C-alpha cells in the first residue's frame, strides 16, 4: 500500500487490523511494529496519518468507504483505473484482505 500511496500521491492511514477474523488477537499496528520508525522512515516519500481526518471520519460513519482487495501483481495502471475513481468519489478507499 505504501507504493500505491506514493505513486498516486495519497495519504496512507496507519492500518487497522481486522481483529477476530483469522485469530483472536486484539493487537494494533503499533503493538507489532515501531510506529514512529515507520512514519519517520517514510516521511520523505508519503504522507502518513494515524487516523482519518475528522470530516472524512464523519463521512465514513454515514457512508462506508469503498473496499478493495489489493492485488499483489497488479500494475500501477490498474490502481489508477480501478482505485483512483473510487477515491475521487468518496475521498477514502479501504484496502482489505
PDB file of N, CA and C in Angstrom:
ATOM      1  N   UNK A   1       0.804  -1.181   0.000  1.00  0.00           N
ATOM      2  CA  UNK A   1       0.000   0.000   0.000  1.00  0.00           C
ATOM      3  C   UNK A   1       0.861   1.264   0.000  1.00  0.00           C
ATOM      4  N   UNK A   2       2.059   1.142   0.550  1.00  0.00           N
ATOM      5  CA  UNK A   2       2.961   2.288   0.571  1.00  0.00           C
ATOM      6  C   UNK A   2       3.295   2.724  -0.854  1.00  0.00           C
ATOM      7  N   UNK A   3       3.576   1.774  -1.720  1.00  0.00           N
ATOM      8  CA  UNK A   3       3.925   2.094  -3.106  1.00  0.00           C
ATOM      9  C   UNK A   3       2.749   2.748  -3.818  1.00  0.00           C
ATOM     10  N   UNK A   4       1.572   2.229  -3.607  1.00  0.00           N
ATOM     11  CA  UNK A   4       0.382   2.803  -4.242  1.00  0.00           C
ATOM     12  C   UNK A   4       0.155   4.225  -3.752  1.00  0.00           C
ATOM     13  N   UNK A   5       0.253   4.433  -2.450  1.00  0.00           N
ATOM     14  CA  UNK A   5       0.093   5.784  -1.895  1.00  0.00           C
ATOM     15  C   UNK A   5       1.129   6.731  -2.471  1.00  0.00           C
ATOM     16  N   UNK A   6       2.354   6.274  -2.622  1.00  0.00           N
ATOM     17  CA  UNK A   6       3.437   7.109  -3.149  1.00  0.00           C
ATOM     18  C   UNK A   6       3.159   7.530  -4.590  1.00  0.00           C
ATOM     19  N   UNK A   7       2.847   6.592  -5.439  1.00  0.00           N
ATOM     20  CA  UNK A   7       2.668   6.900  -6.858  1.00  0.00           C
ATOM     21  C   UNK A   7       1.367   7.625  -7.170  1.00  0.00           C
ATOM     22  N   UNK A   8       0.388   7.471  -6.294  1.00  0.00           N
ATOM     23  CA  UNK A   8      -0.882   8.148  -6.539  1.00  0.00           C
ATOM     24  C   UNK A   8      -1.002   9.433  -5.716  1.00  0.00           C
ATOM     25  N   UNK A   9       0.068   9.766  -4.989  1.00  0.00           N
ATOM     26  CA  UNK A   9       0.113  10.983  -4.174  1.00  0.00           C
ATOM     27  C   UNK A   9      -1.041  11.023  -3.169  1.00  0.00           C
ATOM     28  N   UNK A  10      -1.193   9.936  -2.430  1.00  0.00           N
ATOM     29  CA  UNK A  10      -2.259   9.794  -1.443  1.00  0.00           C
ATOM     30  C   UNK A  10      -1.679   9.784  -0.038  1.00  0.00           C
ATOM     31  N   UNK A  11      -2.511  10.032   0.932  1.00  0.00           N
ATOM     32  CA  UNK A  11      -2.127   9.897   2.328  1.00  0.00           C
ATOM     33  C   UNK A  11      -2.463   8.482   2.780  1.00  0.00           C
ATOM     34  N   UNK A  12      -1.517   7.839   3.405  1.00  0.00           N
ATOM     35  CA  UNK A  12      -1.719   6.492   3.932  1.00  0.00           C
ATOM     36  C   UNK A  12      -2.151   6.607   5.391  1.00  0.00           C
ATOM     37  N   UNK A  13      -3.230   5.968   5.729  1.00  0.00           N
ATOM     38  CA  UNK A  13      -3.681   5.907   7.117  1.00  0.00           C
ATOM     39  C   UNK A  13      -3.081   4.637   7.718  1.00  0.00           C
ATOM     40  N   UNK A  14      -2.539   4.755   8.925  1.00  0.00           N
ATOM     41  CA  UNK A  14      -1.948   3.590   9.583  1.00  0.00           C
ATOM     42  C   UNK A  14      -2.973   2.459   9.578  1.00  0.00           C
ATOM     43  N   UNK A  15      -2.559   1.277   9.135  1.00  0.00           N
ATOM     44  CA  UNK A  15      -3.506   0.164   9.002  1.00  0.00           C
ATOM     45  C   UNK A  15      -4.189  -0.225  10.308  1.00  0.00           C
ATOM     46  N   UNK A  16      -5.444  -0.580  10.183  1.00  0.00           N
ATOM     47  CA  UNK A  16      -6.194  -1.185  11.285  1.00  0.00           C
ATOM     48  C   UNK A  16      -6.337  -2.659  10.962  1.00  0.00           C
ATOM     49  N   UNK A  17      -5.998  -3.494  11.904  1.00  0.00           N
ATOM     50  CA  UNK A  17      -6.112  -4.926  11.675  1.00  0.00           C
ATOM     51  C   UNK A  17      -7.544  -5.383  11.857  1.00  0.00           C
ATOM     52  N   UNK A  18      -7.903  -6.383  11.086  1.00  0.00           N
ATOM     53  CA  UNK A  18      -9.230  -6.982  11.181  1.00  0.00           C
ATOM     54  C   UNK A  18      -9.182  -8.032  12.290  1.00  0.00           C
ATOM     55  N   UNK A  19      -9.218  -7.552  13.515  1.00  0.00           N
ATOM     56  CA  UNK A  19      -9.106  -8.449  14.664  1.00  0.00           C
ATOM     57  C   UNK A  19     -10.287  -9.400  14.737  1.00  0.00           C
ATOM     58  N   UNK A  20      -9.966 -10.643  15.008  1.00  0.00           N
ATOM     59  CA  UNK A  20     -11.010 -11.630  15.207  1.00  0.00           C
ATOM     60  C   UNK A  20     -11.395 -12.408  13.969  1.00  0.00           C
ATOM     61  N   UNK A  21     -11.012 -11.953  12.792  1.00  0.00           N
ATOM     62  CA  UNK A  21     -11.384 -12.676  11.581  1.00  0.00           C
ATOM     63  C   UNK A  21     -10.607 -13.976  11.454  1.00  0.00           C
ATOM     64  N   UNK A  22      -9.288 -13.898  11.650  1.00  0.00           N
ATOM     65  CA  UNK A  22      -8.455 -15.076  11.486  1.00  0.00           C
ATOM     66  C   UNK A  22      -7.988 -15.651  12.811  1.00  0.00           C
ATOM     67  N   UNK A  23      -7.776 -14.800  13.775  1.00  0.00           N
ATOM     68  CA  UNK A  23      -7.347 -15.256  15.085  1.00  0.00           C
ATOM     69  C   UNK A  23      -7.866 -14.281  16.137  1.00  0.00           C
ATOM     70  N   UNK A  24      -7.895 -14.724  17.329  1.00  0.00           N
ATOM     71  CA  UNK A  24      -8.423 -13.901  18.415  1.00  0.00           C
ATOM     72  C   UNK A  24      -7.275 -13.101  19.034  1.00  0.00           C
ATOM     73  N   UNK A  25      -6.892 -12.033  18.370  1.00  0.00           N
ATOM     74  CA  UNK A  25      -5.779 -11.205  18.804  1.00  0.00           C
ATOM     75  C   UNK A  25      -6.164  -9.751  18.591  1.00  0.00           C
ATOM     76  N   UNK A  26      -6.115  -8.948  19.624  1.00  0.00           N
ATOM     77  CA  UNK A  26      -6.517  -7.550  19.528  1.00  0.00           C
ATOM     78  C   UNK A  26      -5.341  -6.604  19.307  1.00  0.00           C
ATOM     79  N   UNK A  27      -4.233  -7.124  18.798  1.00  0.00           N
ATOM     80  CA  UNK A  27      -3.061  -6.301  18.557  1.00  0.00           C
ATOM     81  C   UNK A  27      -3.343  -5.223  17.517  1.00  0.00           C
ATOM     82  N   UNK A  28      -2.701  -4.083  17.697  1.00  0.00           N
ATOM     83  CA  UNK A  28      -2.786  -2.996  16.729  1.00  0.00           C
ATOM     84  C   UNK A  28      -1.481  -2.949  15.946  1.00  0.00           C
ATOM     85  N   UNK A  29      -1.452  -2.136  14.914  1.00  0.00           N
ATOM     86  CA  UNK A  29      -0.242  -1.942  14.122  1.00  0.00           C
ATOM     87  C   UNK A  29       0.912  -1.509  15.028  1.00  0.00           C
ATOM     88  N   UNK A  30       0.650  -0.571  15.921  1.00  0.00           N
ATOM     89  CA  UNK A  30       1.682  -0.052  16.822  1.00  0.00           C
ATOM     90  C   UNK A  30       2.139  -1.088  17.842  1.00  0.00           C
ATOM     91  N   UNK A  31       1.308  -2.087  18.148  1.00  0.00           N
ATOM     92  CA  UNK A  31       1.720  -3.158  19.063  1.00  0.00           C
ATOM     93  C   UNK A  31       2.763  -4.067  18.415  1.00  0.00           C
ATOM     94  N   UNK A  32       2.693  -4.192  17.114  1.00  0.00           N
ATOM     95  CA  UNK A  32       3.554  -5.134  16.395  1.00  0.00           C
ATOM     96  C   UNK A  32       4.750  -4.445  15.757  1.00  0.00           C
ATOM     97  N   UNK A  33       4.528  -3.249  15.230  1.00  0.00           N
ATOM     98  CA  UNK A  33       5.579  -2.517  14.526  1.00  0.00           C
ATOM     99  C   UNK A  33       5.940  -1.242  15.287  1.00  0.00           C
ATOM    100  N   UNK A  34       7.122  -0.747  15.053  1.00  0.00           N
ATOM    101  CA  UNK A  34       7.560   0.522  15.630  1.00  0.00           C
ATOM    102  C   UNK A  34       6.923   1.638  14.801  1.00  0.00           C
ATOM    103  N   UNK A  35       5.808   2.147  15.264  1.00  0.00           N
ATOM    104  CA  UNK A  35       5.020   3.117  14.510  1.00  0.00           C
ATOM    105  C   UNK A  35       5.806   4.390  14.218  1.00  0.00           C
ATOM    106  N   UNK A  36       6.513   4.909  15.198  1.00  0.00           N
ATOM    107  CA  UNK A  36       7.292   6.129  14.971  1.00  0.00           C
ATOM    108  C   UNK A  36       8.357   5.926  13.903  1.00  0.00           C
ATOM    109  N   UNK A  37       9.023   4.783  13.935  1.00  0.00           N
ATOM    110  CA  UNK A  37      10.032   4.480  12.917  1.00  0.00           C
ATOM    111  C   UNK A  37       9.381   4.360  11.536  1.00  0.00           C
ATOM    112  N   UNK A  38       8.242   3.704  11.476  1.00  0.00           N
ATOM    113  CA  UNK A  38       7.517   3.549  10.216  1.00  0.00           C
ATOM    114  C   UNK A  38       7.201   4.918   9.611  1.00  0.00           C
ATOM    115  N   UNK A  39       6.678   5.803  10.430  1.00  0.00           N
ATOM    116  CA  UNK A  39       6.292   7.130   9.945  1.00  0.00           C
ATOM    117  C   UNK A  39       7.517   7.961   9.570  1.00  0.00           C
ATOM    118  N   UNK A  40       8.514   7.991  10.421  1.00  0.00           N
ATOM    119  CA  UNK A  40       9.688   8.827  10.135  1.00  0.00           C
ATOM    120  C   UNK A  40      10.518   8.289   8.973  1.00  0.00           C
ATOM    121  N   UNK A  41      10.597   6.989   8.829  1.00  0.00           N
ATOM    122  CA  UNK A  41      11.394   6.440   7.731  1.00  0.00           C
ATOM    123  C   UNK A  41      10.750   6.683   6.370  1.00  0.00           C
ATOM    124  N   UNK A  42       9.451   6.910   6.346  1.00  0.00           N
ATOM    125  CA  UNK A  42       8.751   7.148   5.077  1.00  0.00           C
ATOM    126  C   UNK A  42       8.335   8.605   4.878  1.00  0.00           C
ATOM    127  N   UNK A  43       8.690   9.480   5.799  1.00  0.00           N
ATOM    128  CA  UNK A  43       8.197  10.862   5.758  1.00  0.00           C
ATOM    129  C   UNK A  43       8.586  11.627   4.500  1.00  0.00           C
ATOM    130  N   UNK A  44       9.701  11.268   3.868  1.00  0.00           N
ATOM    131  CA  UNK A  44      10.105  11.945   2.633  1.00  0.00           C
ATOM    132  C   UNK A  44       9.451  11.332   1.401  1.00  0.00           C
ATOM    133  N   UNK A  45       8.737  10.242   1.583  1.00  0.00           N
ATOM    134  CA  UNK A  45       8.113   9.538   0.462  1.00  0.00           C
ATOM    135  C   UNK A  45       6.597   9.735   0.387  1.00  0.00           C
ATOM    136  N   UNK A  46       5.929   9.600   1.531  1.00  0.00           N
ATOM    137  CA  UNK A  46       4.465   9.696   1.557  1.00  0.00           C
ATOM    138  C   UNK A  46       4.002  10.383   2.836  1.00  0.00           C
ATOM    139  N   UNK A  47       2.769  10.855   2.795  1.00  0.00           N
ATOM    140  CA  UNK A  47       2.130  11.386   3.998  1.00  0.00           C
ATOM    141  C   UNK A  47       1.472  10.214   4.718  1.00  0.00           C
ATOM    142  N   UNK A  48       1.668  10.161   6.022  1.00  0.00           N
ATOM    143  CA  UNK A  48       1.060   9.098   6.832  1.00  0.00           C
ATOM    144  C   UNK A  48       0.322   9.754   7.983  1.00  0.00           C
ATOM    145  N   UNK A  49      -0.889   9.290   8.212  1.00  0.00           N
ATOM    146  CA  UNK A  49      -1.692   9.776   9.323  1.00  0.00           C
ATOM    147  C   UNK A  49      -2.099   8.582  10.172  1.00  0.00           C
ATOM    148  N   UNK A  50      -2.254   8.808  11.460  1.00  0.00           N
ATOM    149  CA  UNK A  50      -2.648   7.713  12.332  1.00  0.00           C
ATOM    150  C   UNK A  50      -4.146   7.453  12.291  1.00  0.00           C
ATOM    151  N   UNK A  51      -4.912   8.424  11.814  1.00  0.00           N
ATOM    152  CA  UNK A  51      -6.361   8.209  11.676  1.00  0.00           C
ATOM    153  C   UNK A  51      -6.914   9.155  10.618  1.00  0.00           C
ATOM    154  N   UNK A  52      -8.117   8.869  10.201  1.00  0.00           N
ATOM    155  CA  UNK A  52      -8.780   9.724   9.211  1.00  0.00           C
ATOM    156  C   UNK A  52      -9.000  11.125   9.770  1.00  0.00           C
ATOM    157  N   UNK A  53      -8.942  12.125   8.914  1.00  0.00           N
ATOM    158  CA  UNK A  53      -9.306  13.477   9.370  1.00  0.00           C
ATOM    159  C   UNK A  53     -10.765  13.481   9.823  1.00  0.00           C
ATOM    160  N   UNK A  54     -11.126  14.369  10.753  1.00  0.00           N
ATOM    161  CA  UNK A  54     -12.490  14.375  11.310  1.00  0.00           C
ATOM    162  C   UNK A  54     -13.601  14.429  10.257  1.00  0.00           C
ATOM    163  N   UNK A  55     -13.436  15.226   9.208  1.00  0.00           N
ATOM    164  CA  UNK A  55     -14.502  15.316   8.201  1.00  0.00           C
ATOM    165  C   UNK A  55     -14.704  14.004   7.456  1.00  0.00           C
ATOM    166  N   UNK A  56     -13.620  13.291   7.164  1.00  0.00           N
ATOM    167  CA  UNK A  56     -13.752  12.002   6.490  1.00  0.00           C
ATOM    168  C   UNK A  56     -14.239  10.915   7.441  1.00  0.00           C
ATOM    169  N   UNK A  57     -13.885  11.036   8.712  1.00  0.00           N
ATOM    170  CA  UNK A  57     -14.349  10.064   9.710  1.00  0.00           C
ATOM    171  C   UNK A  57     -15.868  10.139   9.849  1.00  0.00           C
ATOM    172  N   UNK A  58     -16.401  11.350   9.883  1.00  0.00           N
ATOM    173  CA  UNK A  58     -17.856  11.542   9.962  1.00  0.00           C
ATOM    174  C   UNK A  58     -18.521  10.989   8.715  1.00  0.00           C
ATOM    175  N   UNK A  59     -17.934  11.277   7.559  1.00  0.00           N
ATOM    176  CA  UNK A  59     -18.488  10.782   6.292  1.00  0.00           C
ATOM    177  C   UNK A  59     -18.462   9.254   6.257  1.00  0.00           C
ATOM    178  N   UNK A  60     -17.375   8.646   6.765  1.00  0.00           N
ATOM    179  CA  UNK A  60     -17.254   7.185   6.769  1.00  0.00           C
ATOM    180  C   UNK A  60     -18.314   6.535   7.654  1.00  0.00           C
ATOM    181  N   UNK A  61     -18.683   7.206   8.741  1.00  0.00           N
ATOM    182  CA  UNK A  61     -19.696   6.655   9.638  1.00  0.00           C
ATOM    183  C   UNK A  61     -21.069   6.609   8.981  1.00  0.00           C
ATOM    184  N   UNK A  62     -21.364   7.588   8.140  1.00  0.00           N
ATOM    185  CA  UNK A  62     -22.674   7.624   7.498  1.00  0.00           C
ATOM    186  C   UNK A  62     -22.698   6.861   6.174  1.00  0.00           C
ATOM    187  N   UNK A  63     -21.565   6.796   5.509  1.00  0.00           N
ATOM    188  CA  UNK A  63     -21.484   6.114   4.220  1.00  0.00           C
ATOM    189  C   UNK A  63     -20.143   5.382   4.155  1.00  0.00           C
ATOM    190  N   UNK A  64     -20.151   4.065   4.381  1.00  0.00           N
ATOM    191  CA  UNK A  64     -18.890   3.314   4.402  1.00  0.00           C
ATOM    192  C   UNK A  64     -18.102   3.506   3.105  1.00  0.00           C
ATOM    193  N   UNK A  65     -16.763   3.573   3.222  1.00  0.00           N
ATOM    194  CA  UNK A  65     -15.947   3.759   2.013  1.00  0.00           C
ATOM    195  C   UNK A  65     -15.948   2.509   1.154  1.00  0.00           C
ATOM    196  N   UNK A  66     -15.546   2.692  -0.077  1.00  0.00           N
ATOM    197  CA  UNK A  66     -15.350   1.525  -0.937  1.00  0.00           C
ATOM    198  C   UNK A  66     -14.257   0.662  -0.329  1.00  0.00           C
ATOM    199  N   UNK A  67     -14.405  -0.639  -0.470  1.00  0.00           N
ATOM    200  CA  UNK A  67     -13.367  -1.576  -0.057  1.00  0.00           C
ATOM    201  C   UNK A  67     -12.861  -2.301  -1.286  1.00  0.00           C
ATOM    202  N   UNK A  68     -11.594  -2.603  -1.266  1.00  0.00           N
ATOM    203  CA  UNK A  68     -10.965  -3.253  -2.407  1.00  0.00           C
ATOM    204  C   UNK A  68      -9.886  -4.189  -1.885  1.00  0.00           C
ATOM    205  N   UNK A  69      -9.815  -5.377  -2.421  1.00  0.00           N
ATOM    206  CA  UNK A  69      -8.749  -6.307  -2.055  1.00  0.00           C
ATOM    207  C   UNK A  69      -7.536  -5.962  -2.916  1.00  0.00           C
ATOM    208  N   UNK A  70      -6.384  -5.705  -2.289  1.00  0.00           N
ATOM    209  CA  UNK A  70      -5.203  -5.387  -3.095  1.00  0.00           C
ATOM    210  C   UNK A  70      -4.738  -6.606  -3.885  1.00  0.00           C
ATOM    211  N   UNK A  71      -4.334  -6.361  -5.100  1.00  0.00           N
ATOM    212  CA  UNK A  71      -3.840  -7.440  -5.957  1.00  0.00           C
ATOM    213  C   UNK A  71      -2.327  -7.301  -6.025  1.00  0.00           C
ATOM    214  N   UNK A  72      -1.653  -8.301  -5.551  1.00  0.00           N
ATOM    215  CA  UNK A  72      -0.203  -8.254  -5.388  1.00  0.00           C
ATOM    216  C   UNK A  72       0.544  -7.897  -6.673  1.00  0.00           C
ATOM    217  N   UNK A  73       0.196  -8.476  -7.774  1.00  0.00           N
ATOM    218  CA  UNK A  73       0.958  -8.278  -9.009  1.00  0.00           C
ATOM    219  C   UNK A  73       0.284  -7.321  -9.980  1.00  0.00           C
ATOM    220  N   UNK A  74      -0.641  -6.528  -9.496  1.00  0.00           N
ATOM    221  CA  UNK A  74      -1.304  -5.554 -10.360  1.00  0.00           C
ATOM    222  C   UNK A  74      -0.343  -4.415 -10.696  1.00  0.00           C
ATOM    223  N   UNK A  75      -0.553  -3.836 -11.850  1.00  0.00           N
ATOM    224  CA  UNK A  75       0.262  -2.699 -12.266  1.00  0.00           C
ATOM    225  C   UNK A  75      -0.284  -1.418 -11.644  1.00  0.00           C
ATOM    226  N   UNK A  76       0.523  -0.379 -11.663  1.00  0.00           N
ATOM    227  CA  UNK A  76       0.043   0.911 -11.182  1.00  0.00           C
ATOM    228  C   UNK A  76      -1.117   1.397 -12.026  1.00  0.00           C
ATOM    229  N   UNK A  77      -1.099   1.067 -13.302  1.00  0.00           N
ATOM    230  CA  UNK A  77      -2.204   1.446 -14.185  1.00  0.00           C
ATOM    231  C   UNK A  77      -3.521   0.868 -13.681  1.00  0.00           C
ATOM    232  N   UNK A  78      -3.476  -0.366 -13.206  1.00  0.00           N
ATOM    233  CA  UNK A  78      -4.669  -0.994 -12.654  1.00  0.00           C
ATOM    234  C   UNK A  78      -5.224  -0.150 -11.513  1.00  0.00           C
ATOM    235  N   UNK A  79      -4.360   0.287 -10.604  1.00  0.00           N
ATOM    236  CA  UNK A  79      -4.818   1.089  -9.468  1.00  0.00           C
ATOM    237  C   UNK A  79      -5.298   2.470  -9.898  1.00  0.00           C
ATOM    238  N   UNK A  80      -4.644   3.052 -10.895  1.00  0.00           N
ATOM    239  CA  UNK A  80      -5.120   4.336 -11.413  1.00  0.00           C
ATOM    240  C   UNK A  80      -6.519   4.192 -12.013  1.00  0.00           C
ATOM    241  N   UNK A  81      -6.766   3.083 -12.706  1.00  0.00           N
ATOM    242  CA  UNK A  81      -8.064   2.874 -13.366  1.00  0.00           C
ATOM    243  C   UNK A  81      -9.144   2.416 -12.394  1.00  0.00           C
ATOM    244  N   UNK A  82      -8.799   1.579 -11.427  1.00  0.00           N
ATOM    245  CA  UNK A  82      -9.804   0.999 -10.538  1.00  0.00           C
ATOM    246  C   UNK A  82      -9.968   1.744  -9.217  1.00  0.00           C
ATOM    247  N   UNK A  83      -8.849   2.153  -8.627  1.00  0.00           N
ATOM    248  CA  UNK A  83      -8.907   2.746  -7.288  1.00  0.00           C
ATOM    249  C   UNK A  83      -9.111   4.263  -7.316  1.00  0.00           C
ATOM    250  N   UNK A  84      -8.402   4.942  -8.191  1.00  0.00           N
ATOM    251  CA  UNK A  84      -8.456   6.403  -8.186  1.00  0.00           C
ATOM    252  C   UNK A  84      -9.867   6.957  -8.366  1.00  0.00           C
ATOM    253  N   UNK A  85     -10.683   6.448  -9.289  1.00  0.00           N
ATOM    254  CA  UNK A  85     -12.043   6.970  -9.397  1.00  0.00           C
ATOM    255  C   UNK A  85     -12.849   6.798  -8.100  1.00  0.00           C
ATOM    256  N   UNK A  86     -12.627   5.719  -7.390  1.00  0.00           N
ATOM    257  CA  UNK A  86     -13.333   5.490  -6.124  1.00  0.00           C
ATOM    258  C   UNK A  86     -12.861   6.475  -5.056  1.00  0.00           C
ATOM    259  N   UNK A  87     -11.565   6.738  -5.037  1.00  0.00           N
ATOM    260  CA  UNK A  87     -11.024   7.707  -4.084  1.00  0.00           C
ATOM    261  C   UNK A  87     -11.551   9.094  -4.387  1.00  0.00           C
ATOM    262  N   UNK A  88     -11.585   9.446  -5.663  1.00  0.00           N
ATOM    263  CA  UNK A  88     -12.065  10.769  -6.055  1.00  0.00           C
ATOM    264  C   UNK A  88     -13.542  10.952  -5.705  1.00  0.00           C
ATOM    265  N   UNK A  89     -14.305   9.877  -5.776  1.00  0.00           N
ATOM    266  CA  UNK A  89     -15.739   9.977  -5.490  1.00  0.00           C
ATOM    267  C   UNK A  89     -16.026  10.100  -3.997  1.00  0.00           C
ATOM    268  N   UNK A  90     -15.353   9.295  -3.172  1.00  0.00           N
ATOM    269  CA  UNK A  90     -15.669   9.265  -1.738  1.00  0.00           C
ATOM    270  C   UNK A  90     -14.587   9.842  -0.837  1.00  0.00           C
ATOM    271  N   UNK A  91     -13.400  10.050  -1.371  1.00  0.00           N
ATOM    272  CA  UNK A  91     -12.319  10.607  -0.565  1.00  0.00           C
ATOM    273  C   UNK A  91     -11.514   9.572   0.200  1.00  0.00           C
ATOM    274  N   UNK A  92     -12.025   8.342   0.279  1.00  0.00           N
ATOM    275  CA  UNK A  92     -11.371   7.274   1.044  1.00  0.00           C
ATOM    276  C   UNK A  92     -11.566   5.962   0.302  1.00  0.00           C
ATOM    277  N   UNK A  93     -10.541   5.118   0.357  1.00  0.00           N
ATOM    278  CA  UNK A  93     -10.641   3.763  -0.163  1.00  0.00           C
ATOM    279  C   UNK A  93      -9.982   2.848   0.857  1.00  0.00           C
ATOM    280  N   UNK A  94     -10.683   1.825   1.258  1.00  0.00           N
ATOM    281  CA  UNK A  94     -10.147   0.879   2.244  1.00  0.00           C
ATOM    282  C   UNK A  94      -9.676  -0.363   1.514  1.00  0.00           C
ATOM    283  N   UNK A  95      -8.402  -0.706   1.742  1.00  0.00           N
ATOM    284  CA  UNK A  95      -7.879  -1.959   1.214  1.00  0.00           C
ATOM    285  C   UNK A  95      -8.044  -3.013   2.294  1.00  0.00           C
ATOM    286  N   UNK A  96      -8.589  -4.141   1.913  1.00  0.00           N
ATOM    287  CA  UNK A  96      -8.825  -5.214   2.884  1.00  0.00           C
ATOM    288  C   UNK A  96      -8.445  -6.535   2.262  1.00  0.00           C
ATOM    289  N   UNK A  97      -8.265  -7.513   3.105  1.00  0.00           N
ATOM    290  CA  UNK A  97      -7.971  -8.855   2.611  1.00  0.00           C
ATOM    291  C   UNK A  97      -8.897  -9.843   3.230  1.00  0.00           C
TER     292      UNK A  97
END
